[in-house]
Structures are given as structure tokens and as C-alpha cells.
PDB file of N, CA and C in Angstrom:
ATOM      1  N   MET A   1     -15.360 -18.515 -44.172  1.00  0.00           N
ATOM      2  CA  MET A   1     -15.251 -18.700 -42.693  1.00  0.00           C
ATOM      3  C   MET A   1     -14.253 -17.831 -42.440  1.00  0.00           C
ATOM      4  N   GLY A   2     -14.664 -16.950 -41.108  1.00  0.00           N
ATOM      5  CA  GLY A   2     -13.572 -15.781 -40.682  1.00  0.00           C
ATOM      6  C   GLY A   2     -12.380 -16.619 -39.932  1.00  0.00           C
ATOM      7  N   GLU A   3     -11.341 -16.117 -39.873  1.00  0.00           N
ATOM      8  CA  GLU A   3     -10.222 -16.664 -38.754  1.00  0.00           C
ATOM      9  C   GLU A   3     -10.240 -15.993 -37.502  1.00  0.00           C
ATOM     10  N   LEU A   4      -9.825 -17.133 -36.685  1.00  0.00           N
ATOM     11  CA  LEU A   4     -10.124 -16.697 -35.202  1.00  0.00           C
ATOM     12  C   LEU A   4      -8.870 -15.959 -34.951  1.00  0.00           C
ATOM     13  N   PRO A   5      -8.775 -14.908 -34.198  1.00  0.00           N
ATOM     14  CA  PRO A   5      -7.431 -14.037 -33.665  1.00  0.00           C
ATOM     15  C   PRO A   5      -6.492 -14.773 -33.189  1.00  0.00           C
ATOM     16  N   PHE A   6      -5.313 -14.527 -33.335  1.00  0.00           N
ATOM     17  CA  PHE A   6      -4.212 -15.396 -32.671  1.00  0.00           C
ATOM     18  C   PHE A   6      -3.848 -14.450 -31.590  1.00  0.00           C
ATOM     19  N   PHE A   7      -3.673 -15.373 -30.379  1.00  0.00           N
ATOM     20  CA  PHE A   7      -3.348 -14.596 -29.182  1.00  0.00           C
ATOM     21  C   PHE A   7      -1.973 -15.131 -28.830  1.00  0.00           C
ATOM     22  N   ARG A   8      -1.113 -14.310 -28.270  1.00  0.00           N
ATOM     23  CA  ARG A   8       0.233 -14.902 -27.693  1.00  0.00           C
ATOM     24  C   ARG A   8       0.445 -14.310 -26.290  1.00  0.00           C
ATOM     25  N   ALA A   9       0.695 -15.286 -25.526  1.00  0.00           N
ATOM     26  CA  ALA A   9       1.047 -14.991 -23.912  1.00  0.00           C
ATOM     27  C   ALA A   9       2.612 -14.905 -23.748  1.00  0.00           C
ATOM     28  N   HIS A  10       3.275 -14.245 -23.181  1.00  0.00           N
ATOM     29  CA  HIS A  10       4.775 -14.396 -22.934  1.00  0.00           C
ATOM     30  C   HIS A  10       5.189 -14.240 -21.485  1.00  0.00           C
ATOM     31  N   THR A  11       6.098 -14.770 -21.171  1.00  0.00           N
ATOM     32  CA  THR A  11       6.821 -14.656 -19.703  1.00  0.00           C
ATOM     33  C   THR A  11       6.972 -13.396 -19.389  1.00  0.00           C
ATOM     34  N   ALA A  12       6.874 -13.133 -18.313  1.00  0.00           N
ATOM     35  CA  ALA A  12       7.199 -11.713 -17.765  1.00  0.00           C
ATOM     36  C   ALA A  12       8.389 -11.786 -16.677  1.00  0.00           C
ATOM     37  N   LEU A  13       8.852 -10.571 -16.404  1.00  0.00           N
ATOM     38  CA  LEU A  13       9.953 -10.589 -15.444  1.00  0.00           C
ATOM     39  C   LEU A  13       9.308 -10.567 -14.173  1.00  0.00           C
ATOM     40  N   HIS A  14      10.048 -11.364 -13.318  1.00  0.00           N
ATOM     41  CA  HIS A  14       9.267 -11.448 -11.839  1.00  0.00           C
ATOM     42  C   HIS A  14       9.875 -10.345 -11.049  1.00  0.00           C
ATOM     43  N   PRO A  15       8.854  -9.764 -10.243  1.00  0.00           N
ATOM     44  CA  PRO A  15       9.184  -8.589  -9.271  1.00  0.00           C
ATOM     45  C   PRO A  15      10.117  -9.223  -8.432  1.00  0.00           C
ATOM     46  N   ASP A  16      11.234  -8.414  -7.848  1.00  0.00           N
ATOM     47  CA  ASP A  16      12.200  -8.797  -7.005  1.00  0.00           C
ATOM     48  C   ASP A  16      11.654  -8.769  -5.702  1.00  0.00           C
ATOM     49  N   HIS A  17      10.673  -7.902  -5.263  1.00  0.00           N
ATOM     50  CA  HIS A  17       9.933  -8.034  -4.073  1.00  0.00           C
ATOM     51  C   HIS A  17       8.538  -7.745  -4.293  1.00  0.00           C
ATOM     52  N   LEU A  18       7.741  -8.220  -3.348  1.00  0.00           N
ATOM     53  CA  LEU A  18       6.406  -7.898  -3.082  1.00  0.00           C
ATOM     54  C   LEU A  18       6.088  -7.702  -1.679  1.00  0.00           C
ATOM     55  N   TRP A  19       5.481  -6.345  -1.261  1.00  0.00           N
ATOM     56  CA  TRP A  19       5.192  -6.071   0.072  1.00  0.00           C
ATOM     57  C   TRP A  19       3.944  -5.977   0.003  1.00  0.00           C
ATOM     58  N   ILE A  20       3.446  -6.208   1.394  1.00  0.00           N
ATOM     59  CA  ILE A  20       1.873  -6.091   1.606  1.00  0.00           C
ATOM     60  C   ILE A  20       1.671  -4.496   1.829  1.00  0.00           C
ATOM     61  N   TRP A  21       0.654  -3.875   1.122  1.00  0.00           N
ATOM     62  CA  TRP A  21       0.398  -2.360   1.390  1.00  0.00           C
ATOM     63  C   TRP A  21      -0.925  -2.406   2.183  1.00  0.00           C
ATOM     64  N   GLU A  22      -1.899  -3.271   1.970  1.00  0.00           N
ATOM     65  CA  GLU A  22      -3.011  -3.273   2.877  1.00  0.00           C
ATOM     66  C   GLU A  22      -3.477  -4.760   2.388  1.00  0.00           C
ATOM     67  N   LYS A  23      -4.606  -4.860   3.183  1.00  0.00           N
ATOM     68  CA  LYS A  23      -5.213  -6.392   3.022  1.00  0.00           C
ATOM     69  C   LYS A  23      -5.418  -6.551   1.482  1.00  0.00           C
ATOM     70  N   ALA A  24      -4.950  -7.781   1.024  1.00  0.00           N
ATOM     71  CA  ALA A  24      -5.337  -8.306  -0.343  1.00  0.00           C
ATOM     72  C   ALA A  24      -4.728  -7.291  -1.390  1.00  0.00           C
ATOM     73  N   VAL A  25      -3.622  -6.321  -1.116  1.00  0.00           N
ATOM     74  CA  VAL A  25      -3.075  -5.679  -2.196  1.00  0.00           C
ATOM     75  C   VAL A  25      -1.476  -5.668  -1.799  1.00  0.00           C
ATOM     76  N   TYR A  26      -0.868  -6.053  -2.661  1.00  0.00           N
ATOM     77  CA  TYR A  26       0.689  -5.984  -2.527  1.00  0.00           C
ATOM     78  C   TYR A  26       1.332  -4.944  -3.602  1.00  0.00           C
ATOM     79  N   VAL A  27       2.449  -4.536  -3.333  1.00  0.00           N
ATOM     80  CA  VAL A  27       3.145  -3.523  -4.092  1.00  0.00           C
ATOM     81  C   VAL A  27       4.590  -3.847  -4.570  1.00  0.00           C
ATOM     82  N   ASP A  28       5.032  -3.910  -5.604  1.00  0.00           N
ATOM     83  CA  ASP A  28       6.363  -4.531  -6.066  1.00  0.00           C
ATOM     84  C   ASP A  28       7.522  -3.004  -6.002  1.00  0.00           C
ATOM     85  N   GLU A  29       8.660  -3.435  -6.202  1.00  0.00           N
ATOM     86  CA  GLU A  29       9.447  -2.483  -6.382  1.00  0.00           C
ATOM     87  C   GLU A  29       9.255  -1.285  -7.530  1.00  0.00           C
ATOM     88  N   ASN A  30       8.495  -1.532  -8.307  1.00  0.00           N
ATOM     89  CA  ASN A  30       8.123  -0.506  -9.388  1.00  0.00           C
ATOM     90  C   ASN A  30       6.646   0.173  -8.930  1.00  0.00           C
ATOM     91  N   GLN A  31       6.344   0.182  -7.821  1.00  0.00           N
ATOM     92  CA  GLN A  31       5.096   0.454  -7.485  1.00  0.00           C
ATOM     93  C   GLN A  31       3.801  -0.088  -8.305  1.00  0.00           C
ATOM     94  N   ARG A  32       3.836  -1.205  -8.991  1.00  0.00           N
ATOM     95  CA  ARG A  32       2.795  -1.693  -9.476  1.00  0.00           C
ATOM     96  C   ARG A  32       2.196  -2.676  -8.247  1.00  0.00           C
ATOM     97  N   THR A  33       0.846  -2.624  -8.455  1.00  0.00           N
ATOM     98  CA  THR A  33       0.026  -3.356  -7.273  1.00  0.00           C
ATOM     99  C   THR A  33      -0.576  -4.680  -8.088  1.00  0.00           C
ATOM    100  N   TRP A  34      -0.342  -5.538  -6.960  1.00  0.00           N
ATOM    101  CA  TRP A  34      -0.971  -6.955  -7.093  1.00  0.00           C
ATOM    102  C   TRP A  34      -1.746  -7.572  -6.377  1.00  0.00           C
ATOM    103  N   LEU A  35      -2.946  -8.156  -6.941  1.00  0.00           N
ATOM    104  CA  LEU A  35      -3.950  -8.560  -5.839  1.00  0.00           C
ATOM    105  C   LEU A  35      -3.938 -10.265  -5.920  1.00  0.00           C
ATOM    106  N   PRO A  36      -4.018 -10.408  -4.681  1.00  0.00           N
ATOM    107  CA  PRO A  36      -3.754 -12.001  -4.436  1.00  0.00           C
ATOM    108  C   PRO A  36      -4.973 -12.764  -4.421  1.00  0.00           C
ATOM    109  N   VAL A  37      -5.177 -13.984  -4.989  1.00  0.00           N
ATOM    110  CA  VAL A  37      -6.050 -14.878  -4.865  1.00  0.00           C
ATOM    111  C   VAL A  37      -5.736 -16.092  -4.444  1.00  0.00           C
ATOM    112  N   THR A  38      -6.076 -16.583  -2.997  1.00  0.00           N
ATOM    113  CA  THR A  38      -5.666 -17.705  -2.315  1.00  0.00           C
ATOM    114  C   THR A  38      -6.460 -18.851  -2.936  1.00  0.00           C
ATOM    115  N   ILE A  39      -5.802 -20.082  -3.175  1.00  0.00           N
ATOM    116  CA  ILE A  39      -6.232 -21.289  -3.472  1.00  0.00           C
ATOM    117  C   ILE A  39      -5.634 -22.411  -2.367  1.00  0.00           C
ATOM    118  N   GLU A  40      -6.534 -23.077  -1.920  1.00  0.00           N
ATOM    119  CA  GLU A  40      -6.201 -24.294  -0.853  1.00  0.00           C
ATOM    120  C   GLU A  40      -6.413 -25.648  -1.526  1.00  0.00           C
ATOM    121  N   ILE A  41      -5.559 -26.307  -1.949  1.00  0.00           N
ATOM    122  CA  ILE A  41      -5.988 -27.558  -2.446  1.00  0.00           C
ATOM    123  C   ILE A  41      -5.266 -28.604  -1.596  1.00  0.00           C
ATOM    124  N   GLU A  42      -6.219 -29.340  -1.085  1.00  0.00           N
ATOM    125  CA  GLU A  42      -5.725 -30.615  -0.081  1.00  0.00           C
ATOM    126  C   GLU A  42      -4.641 -30.055   0.842  1.00  0.00           C
ATOM    127  N   SER A  43      -3.506 -30.567   0.746  1.00  0.00           N
ATOM    128  CA  SER A  43      -2.339 -30.064   1.572  1.00  0.00           C
ATOM    129  C   SER A  43      -1.601 -28.930   1.093  1.00  0.00           C
ATOM    130  N   SER A  44      -1.971 -28.442  -0.041  1.00  0.00           N
ATOM    131  CA  SER A  44      -1.196 -27.245  -0.921  1.00  0.00           C
ATOM    132  C   SER A  44      -1.905 -25.879  -0.842  1.00  0.00           C
ATOM    133  N   LEU A  45      -0.724 -24.913  -0.857  1.00  0.00           N
ATOM    134  CA  LEU A  45      -1.287 -23.626  -0.837  1.00  0.00           C
ATOM    135  C   LEU A  45      -0.883 -22.953  -1.898  1.00  0.00           C
ATOM    136  N   GLN A  46      -1.886 -22.406  -2.797  1.00  0.00           N
ATOM    137  CA  GLN A  46      -1.366 -21.694  -3.861  1.00  0.00           C
ATOM    138  C   GLN A  46      -1.820 -20.221  -3.793  1.00  0.00           C
ATOM    139  N   VAL A  47      -1.223 -19.116  -4.719  1.00  0.00           N
ATOM    140  CA  VAL A  47      -1.794 -18.002  -4.710  1.00  0.00           C
ATOM    141  C   VAL A  47      -1.481 -17.286  -6.166  1.00  0.00           C
ATOM    142  N   LEU A  48      -2.698 -16.982  -6.677  1.00  0.00           N
ATOM    143  CA  LEU A  48      -2.383 -16.286  -7.897  1.00  0.00           C
ATOM    144  C   LEU A  48      -2.390 -14.681  -7.869  1.00  0.00           C
ATOM    145  N   MET A  49      -1.218 -14.667  -8.103  1.00  0.00           N
ATOM    146  CA  MET A  49      -0.921 -12.866  -8.002  1.00  0.00           C
ATOM    147  C   MET A  49      -1.302 -12.097  -9.381  1.00  0.00           C
ATOM    148  N   ARG A  50      -2.348 -11.334  -9.348  1.00  0.00           N
ATOM    149  CA  ARG A  50      -2.749 -10.700 -10.586  1.00  0.00           C
ATOM    150  C   ARG A  50      -2.299  -9.221 -10.494  1.00  0.00           C
ATOM    151  N   GLN A  51      -1.415  -8.841 -11.430  1.00  0.00           N
ATOM    152  CA  GLN A  51      -0.909  -7.414 -11.508  1.00  0.00           C
ATOM    153  C   GLN A  51      -2.166  -6.572 -12.117  1.00  0.00           C
ATOM    154  N   GLU A  52      -2.679  -5.732 -11.172  1.00  0.00           N
ATOM    155  CA  GLU A  52      -3.734  -4.727 -11.618  1.00  0.00           C
ATOM    156  C   GLU A  52      -3.591  -3.567 -10.854  1.00  0.00           C
ATOM    157  N   ASP A  53      -3.691  -2.505 -11.787  1.00  0.00           N
ATOM    158  CA  ASP A  53      -3.684  -0.964 -10.965  1.00  0.00           C
ATOM    159  C   ASP A  53      -4.803  -0.781 -10.282  1.00  0.00           C
ATOM    160  N   VAL A  54      -4.565  -0.641  -9.005  1.00  0.00           N
ATOM    161  CA  VAL A  54      -5.499  -0.152  -7.942  1.00  0.00           C
ATOM    162  C   VAL A  54      -5.241   1.049  -7.366  1.00  0.00           C
ATOM    163  N   PRO A  55      -6.115   2.190  -6.954  1.00  0.00           N
ATOM    164  CA  PRO A  55      -5.737   2.997  -6.187  1.00  0.00           C
ATOM    165  C   PRO A  55      -5.346   2.787  -4.903  1.00  0.00           C
ATOM    166  N   LEU A  56      -3.978   3.137  -4.298  1.00  0.00           N
ATOM    167  CA  LEU A  56      -3.719   2.639  -2.604  1.00  0.00           C
ATOM    168  C   LEU A  56      -4.085   3.636  -1.877  1.00  0.00           C
ATOM    169  N   GLY A  57      -4.573   2.981  -0.669  1.00  0.00           N
ATOM    170  CA  GLY A  57      -4.822   3.622   0.360  1.00  0.00           C
ATOM    171  C   GLY A  57      -3.651   3.792   1.179  1.00  0.00           C
ATOM    172  N   GLU A  58      -3.887   4.168   2.392  1.00  0.00           N
ATOM    173  CA  GLU A  58      -2.868   4.296   3.425  1.00  0.00           C
ATOM    174  C   GLU A  58      -2.106   2.667   3.702  1.00  0.00           C
ATOM    175  N   PRO A  59      -0.758   2.773   3.705  1.00  0.00           N
ATOM    176  CA  PRO A  59      -0.153   1.432   4.018  1.00  0.00           C
ATOM    177  C   PRO A  59      -0.593   1.122   5.511  1.00  0.00           C
ATOM    178  N   VAL A  60      -0.751  -0.122   5.769  1.00  0.00           N
ATOM    179  CA  VAL A  60      -1.045  -0.752   6.966  1.00  0.00           C
ATOM    180  C   VAL A  60       0.548  -1.558   7.650  1.00  0.00           C
ATOM    181  N   CYS A  61       0.410  -1.372   8.780  1.00  0.00           N
ATOM    182  CA  CYS A  61       1.417  -2.150   9.463  1.00  0.00           C
ATOM    183  C   CYS A  61       1.033  -3.637   9.658  1.00  0.00           C
ATOM    184  N   PRO A  62       1.761  -4.559   9.577  1.00  0.00           N
ATOM    185  CA  PRO A  62       1.456  -5.970   9.649  1.00  0.00           C
ATOM    186  C   PRO A  62       0.551  -6.521  10.909  1.00  0.00           C
ATOM    187  N   SER A  63       0.986  -5.892  11.911  1.00  0.00           N
ATOM    188  CA  SER A  63       0.367  -5.855  13.235  1.00  0.00           C
ATOM    189  C   SER A  63      -1.220  -5.604  13.068  1.00  0.00           C
ATOM    190  N   GLN A  64      -1.520  -4.654  12.073  1.00  0.00           N
ATOM    191  CA  GLN A  64      -3.004  -4.221  11.903  1.00  0.00           C
ATOM    192  C   GLN A  64      -3.587  -5.277  10.918  1.00  0.00           C
ATOM    193  N   LEU A  65      -3.020  -6.145  10.309  1.00  0.00           N
ATOM    194  CA  LEU A  65      -3.729  -7.098   9.438  1.00  0.00           C
ATOM    195  C   LEU A  65      -4.498  -8.127  10.217  1.00  0.00           C
ATOM    196  N   GLY A  66      -4.174  -8.490  11.276  1.00  0.00           N
ATOM    197  CA  GLY A  66      -4.703  -9.642  12.286  1.00  0.00           C
ATOM    198  C   GLY A  66      -4.038 -11.004  11.515  1.00  0.00           C
ATOM    199  N   PRO A  67      -4.768 -11.983  11.809  1.00  0.00           N
ATOM    200  CA  PRO A  67      -4.030 -13.261  11.094  1.00  0.00           C
ATOM    201  C   PRO A  67      -4.339 -13.396   9.751  1.00  0.00           C
ATOM    202  N   TYR A  68      -3.225 -13.564   9.071  1.00  0.00           N
ATOM    203  CA  TYR A  68      -2.996 -13.639   7.570  1.00  0.00           C
ATOM    204  C   TYR A  68      -2.463 -14.763   7.038  1.00  0.00           C
ATOM    205  N   LEU A  69      -3.026 -15.422   5.883  1.00  0.00           N
ATOM    206  CA  LEU A  69      -2.504 -16.504   5.507  1.00  0.00           C
ATOM    207  C   LEU A  69      -1.223 -16.451   4.615  1.00  0.00           C
ATOM    208  N   LEU A  70      -1.080 -15.106   4.240  1.00  0.00           N
ATOM    209  CA  LEU A  70       0.287 -15.140   3.127  1.00  0.00           C
ATOM    210  C   LEU A  70       1.384 -14.341   4.003  1.00  0.00           C
ATOM    211  N   PRO A  71       2.601 -14.382   3.421  1.00  0.00           N
ATOM    212  CA  PRO A  71       3.427 -13.503   4.221  1.00  0.00           C
ATOM    213  C   PRO A  71       3.214 -12.290   3.845  1.00  0.00           C
ATOM    214  N   VAL A  72       3.878 -11.297   4.599  1.00  0.00           N
ATOM    215  CA  VAL A  72       3.529  -9.781   4.415  1.00  0.00           C
ATOM    216  C   VAL A  72       4.696  -9.336   3.220  1.00  0.00           C
ATOM    217  N   MET A  73       5.647 -10.066   2.972  1.00  0.00           N
ATOM    218  CA  MET A  73       6.594  -9.828   2.090  1.00  0.00           C
ATOM    219  C   MET A  73       7.286 -11.042   1.390  1.00  0.00           C
ATOM    220  N   TRP A  74       7.427 -10.906  -0.041  1.00  0.00           N
ATOM    221  CA  TRP A  74       8.316 -11.831  -0.727  1.00  0.00           C
ATOM    222  C   TRP A  74       9.393 -11.477  -1.307  1.00  0.00           C
ATOM    223  N   GLN A  75      10.322 -12.031  -1.329  1.00  0.00           N
ATOM    224  CA  GLN A  75      11.655 -11.764  -1.927  1.00  0.00           C
ATOM    225  C   GLN A  75      12.183 -12.941  -3.020  1.00  0.00           C
ATOM    226  N   LEU A  76      12.536 -12.467  -4.168  1.00  0.00           N
ATOM    227  CA  LEU A  76      12.658 -13.470  -5.216  1.00  0.00           C
ATOM    228  C   LEU A  76      14.099 -13.893  -4.968  1.00  0.00           C
ATOM    229  N   TYR A  77      14.194 -15.446  -5.034  1.00  0.00           N
ATOM    230  CA  TYR A  77      15.423 -16.129  -4.798  1.00  0.00           C
ATOM    231  C   TYR A  77      15.621 -16.857  -6.032  1.00  0.00           C
ATOM    232  N   PRO A  78      17.022 -17.543  -6.149  1.00  0.00           N
ATOM    233  CA  PRO A  78      17.252 -18.037  -7.637  1.00  0.00           C
ATOM    234  C   PRO A  78      16.212 -19.512  -7.352  1.00  0.00           C
ATOM    235  N   GLY A  79      16.373 -19.997  -8.692  1.00  0.00           N
ATOM    236  CA  GLY A  79      15.715 -21.119  -8.751  1.00  0.00           C
ATOM    237  C   GLY A  79      14.163 -20.851  -8.960  1.00  0.00           C
ATOM    238  N   ARG A  80      13.667 -19.861  -9.672  1.00  0.00           N
ATOM    239  CA  ARG A  80      12.090 -19.703  -9.777  1.00  0.00           C
ATOM    240  C   ARG A  80      11.356 -19.870  -8.523  1.00  0.00           C
ATOM    241  N   ARG A  81      11.730 -19.341  -7.509  1.00  0.00           N
ATOM    242  CA  ARG A  81      10.985 -19.242  -6.244  1.00  0.00           C
ATOM    243  C   ARG A  81      11.003 -17.928  -5.392  1.00  0.00           C
ATOM    244  N   TYR A  82      10.134 -17.682  -4.545  1.00  0.00           N
ATOM    245  CA  TYR A  82      10.145 -16.760  -3.571  1.00  0.00           C
ATOM    246  C   TYR A  82      10.411 -17.220  -2.194  1.00  0.00           C
ATOM    247  N   ARG A  83      10.934 -16.289  -1.243  1.00  0.00           N
ATOM    248  CA  ARG A  83      11.146 -16.782   0.111  1.00  0.00           C
ATOM    249  C   ARG A  83      10.067 -15.628   0.728  1.00  0.00           C
ATOM    250  N   GLY A  84       9.341 -16.097   1.502  1.00  0.00           N
ATOM    251  CA  GLY A  84       8.236 -15.094   2.405  1.00  0.00           C
ATOM    252  C   GLY A  84       8.979 -14.647   3.589  1.00  0.00           C
ATOM    253  N   SER A  85       8.427 -13.789   4.303  1.00  0.00           N
ATOM    254  CA  SER A  85       9.117 -13.086   5.332  1.00  0.00           C
ATOM    255  C   SER A  85       8.786 -13.960   6.518  1.00  0.00           C
ATOM    256  N   ASP A  86       7.986 -14.986   6.278  1.00  0.00           N
ATOM    257  CA  ASP A  86       7.861 -16.108   7.332  1.00  0.00           C
ATOM    258  C   ASP A  86       8.875 -17.210   7.311  1.00  0.00           C
ATOM    259  N   SER A  87       9.644 -17.000   6.331  1.00  0.00           N
ATOM    260  CA  SER A  87      10.671 -18.281   5.897  1.00  0.00           C
ATOM    261  C   SER A  87      10.251 -19.146   5.006  1.00  0.00           C
ATOM    262  N   SER A  88       9.034 -19.298   4.585  1.00  0.00           N
ATOM    263  CA  SER A  88       8.437 -20.070   3.751  1.00  0.00           C
ATOM    264  C   SER A  88       9.094 -19.937   2.210  1.00  0.00           C
ATOM    265  N   PHE A  89       8.926 -21.104   1.654  1.00  0.00           N
ATOM    266  CA  PHE A  89       9.344 -20.892  -0.033  1.00  0.00           C
ATOM    267  C   PHE A  89       8.276 -21.030  -0.744  1.00  0.00           C
ATOM    268  N   TRP A  90       8.236 -20.485  -2.022  1.00  0.00           N
ATOM    269  CA  TRP A  90       7.056 -20.528  -2.966  1.00  0.00           C
ATOM    270  C   TRP A  90       7.626 -20.548  -4.429  1.00  0.00           C
ATOM    271  N   ARG A  91       7.286 -21.712  -4.909  1.00  0.00           N
ATOM    272  CA  ARG A  91       7.589 -21.995  -6.292  1.00  0.00           C
ATOM    273  C   ARG A  91       6.839 -21.091  -7.202  1.00  0.00           C
ATOM    274  N   ILE A  92       7.573 -20.604  -8.287  1.00  0.00           N
ATOM    275  CA  ILE A  92       6.822 -19.809  -9.432  1.00  0.00           C
ATOM    276  C   ILE A  92       6.366 -21.019 -10.261  1.00  0.00           C
ATOM    277  N   VAL A  93       5.256 -21.103 -10.361  1.00  0.00           N
ATOM    278  CA  VAL A  93       4.531 -22.336 -11.191  1.00  0.00           C
ATOM    279  C   VAL A  93       4.449 -21.605 -12.727  1.00  0.00           C
ATOM    280  N   TYR A  94       4.004 -20.458 -12.657  1.00  0.00           N
ATOM    281  CA  TYR A  94       3.889 -19.780 -13.944  1.00  0.00           C
ATOM    282  C   TYR A  94       3.825 -18.224 -13.790  1.00  0.00           C
ATOM    283  N   HIS A  95       4.401 -17.467 -14.700  1.00  0.00           N
ATOM    284  CA  HIS A  95       4.215 -15.958 -14.761  1.00  0.00           C
ATOM    285  C   HIS A  95       4.038 -15.515 -16.077  1.00  0.00           C
ATOM    286  N   ILE A  96       2.796 -15.143 -16.668  1.00  0.00           N
ATOM    287  CA  ILE A  96       2.700 -14.818 -17.948  1.00  0.00           C
ATOM    288  C   ILE A  96       2.035 -13.508 -18.217  1.00  0.00           C
ATOM    289  N   GLU A  97       2.358 -12.944 -19.237  1.00  0.00           N
ATOM    290  CA  GLU A  97       1.604 -11.694 -19.608  1.00  0.00           C
ATOM    291  C   GLU A  97       0.934 -11.976 -20.883  1.00  0.00           C
ATOM    292  N   PHE A  98      -0.408 -11.633 -20.922  1.00  0.00           N
ATOM    293  CA  PHE A  98      -1.466 -11.734 -21.994  1.00  0.00           C
ATOM    294  C   PHE A  98      -2.233 -10.237 -22.003  1.00  0.00           C
ATOM    295  N   GLY A  99      -1.831  -9.630 -23.082  1.00  0.00           N
ATOM    296  CA  GLY A  99      -2.445  -8.395 -23.461  1.00  0.00           C
ATOM    297  C   GLY A  99      -2.311  -7.593 -22.101  1.00  0.00           C
ATOM    298  N   ASP A 100      -3.245  -6.724 -21.483  1.00  0.00           N
ATOM    299  CA  ASP A 100      -2.988  -5.969 -20.362  1.00  0.00           C
ATOM    300  C   ASP A 100      -3.005  -6.866 -19.093  1.00  0.00           C
ATOM    301  N   THR A 101      -2.977  -8.158 -18.986  1.00  0.00           N
ATOM    302  CA  THR A 101      -3.167  -9.088 -17.790  1.00  0.00           C
ATOM    303  C   THR A 101      -1.756  -9.730 -17.765  1.00  0.00           C
ATOM    304  N   GLU A 102      -1.293  -9.645 -16.355  1.00  0.00           N
ATOM    305  CA  GLU A 102      -0.424 -10.437 -15.982  1.00  0.00           C
ATOM    306  C   GLU A 102      -0.442 -11.306 -14.763  1.00  0.00           C
ATOM    307  N   ASP A 103      -0.298 -12.405 -14.757  1.00  0.00           N
ATOM    308  CA  ASP A 103      -0.693 -13.362 -13.692  1.00  0.00           C
ATOM    309  C   ASP A 103       0.704 -14.212 -13.283  1.00  0.00           C
ATOM    310  N   MET A 104       0.835 -14.250 -11.909  1.00  0.00           N
ATOM    311  CA  MET A 104       1.814 -15.247 -11.621  1.00  0.00           C
ATOM    312  C   MET A 104       1.197 -16.325 -10.328  1.00  0.00           C
ATOM    313  N   LEU A 105       1.502 -17.499 -10.801  1.00  0.00           N
ATOM    314  CA  LEU A 105       0.907 -18.426  -9.941  1.00  0.00           C
ATOM    315  C   LEU A 105       2.050 -19.138  -9.001  1.00  0.00           C
ATOM    316  N   LEU A 106       2.051 -18.838  -7.491  1.00  0.00           N
ATOM    317  CA  LEU A 106       2.953 -19.169  -6.695  1.00  0.00           C
ATOM    318  C   LEU A 106       2.556 -20.567  -5.986  1.00  0.00           C
ATOM    319  N   GLU A 107       3.149 -21.541  -5.602  1.00  0.00           N
ATOM    320  CA  GLU A 107       2.835 -22.626  -4.768  1.00  0.00           C
ATOM    321  C   GLU A 107       3.803 -22.916  -3.769  1.00  0.00           C
ATOM    322  N   GLN A 108       3.171 -22.768  -2.441  1.00  0.00           N
ATOM    323  CA  GLN A 108       3.857 -23.092  -1.065  1.00  0.00           C
ATOM    324  C   GLN A 108       4.573 -24.431  -1.412  1.00  0.00           C
ATOM    325  N   MET A 109       6.087 -24.506  -0.997  1.00  0.00           N
ATOM    326  CA  MET A 109       6.716 -25.430  -0.921  1.00  0.00           C
ATOM    327  C   MET A 109       7.064 -26.070   0.299  1.00  0.00           C
ATOM    328  N   PRO A 110       6.895 -27.481   0.363  1.00  0.00           N
ATOM    329  CA  PRO A 110       6.702 -28.095   1.856  1.00  0.00           C
ATOM    330  C   PRO A 110       8.181 -27.720   2.565  1.00  0.00           C
ATOM    331  N   ASP A 111       7.824 -27.479   3.812  1.00  0.00           N
ATOM    332  CA  ASP A 111       8.973 -27.356   4.909  1.00  0.00           C
ATOM    333  C   ASP A 111       9.718 -28.562   4.779  1.00  0.00           C
ATOM    334  N   PRO A 112      10.853 -28.333   4.517  1.00  0.00           N
ATOM    335  CA  PRO A 112      11.893 -29.914   4.747  1.00  0.00           C
ATOM    336  C   PRO A 112      12.058 -30.333   5.942  1.00  0.00           C
ATOM    337  N   GLU A 113      11.836 -29.369   7.076  1.00  0.00           N
ATOM    338  CA  GLU A 113      11.949 -29.897   8.465  1.00  0.00           C
ATOM    339  C   GLU A 113      10.776 -31.090   8.780  1.00  0.00           C
ATOM    340  N   TYR A 114       9.545 -30.685   7.970  1.00  0.00           N
ATOM    341  CA  TYR A 114       8.652 -31.573   8.409  1.00  0.00           C
ATOM    342  C   TYR A 114       8.176 -32.563   7.186  1.00  0.00           C
ATOM    343  N   GLU A 115       9.203 -32.957   6.513  1.00  0.00           N
ATOM    344  CA  GLU A 115       8.874 -33.978   5.492  1.00  0.00           C
ATOM    345  C   GLU A 115       9.454 -35.425   6.154  1.00  0.00           C
TER     346      GLU A 115
END
């Protein structure tokens, strides 16, 4: 019987900042592109950010995006979380690198003012 290949995922360094470049494309401080997949579960909002190289078009102004569910910028904060440009906080659920794929799952934290 042949042996199954052994795969190992490892944690990756979190980007310091993620800025929206165009709808559904964010760019970090190293000019790497991240594609968001929004997941709404009951009263929770999550976003899977996948680092994938894509050709960049012209950057858009936030006002050109129209209504957008996600912040236009995230900044890394202590405690494994990001703060969005809309003052929301997002917990880093996981951030792994597996081969050529890098995924980071963020979950919006409840606003303490409304709890």
C-alpha cells in the first residue's frame, strides 16, 4: 500500500494593514492582494481573506464603492484582532499558509455598546 503524502500547514505573519483597492480586492503593506469571501452566520459576520496574486486595476475611492459590507481598511491591533476603518473590531480566528495558499479568517466582534 502506498503512503499518503504528509501536508503541513503553518501560521503566517499577519499583515499590518489591508486597504481596499477595488471592490473585492484588498492590498497589504507588501503589495500582496487579498480576496475577501463574506460569510454571514445568524448574527455573526465572518470574512475569509485569501492571499492570491491578481492583476490590479485602477484603485477606487471608497465613495465609488457604494454600500459595502466590509471596512475599506483594516489595521492590526494587539490581541489577534484588526480594527476596521468603521471602528469595528475583527478577531483573527485563524491565519494559515498551506503550500501556495494563505487564508485568514476574521470574525466581527460584537460592539460592546450594544451588548
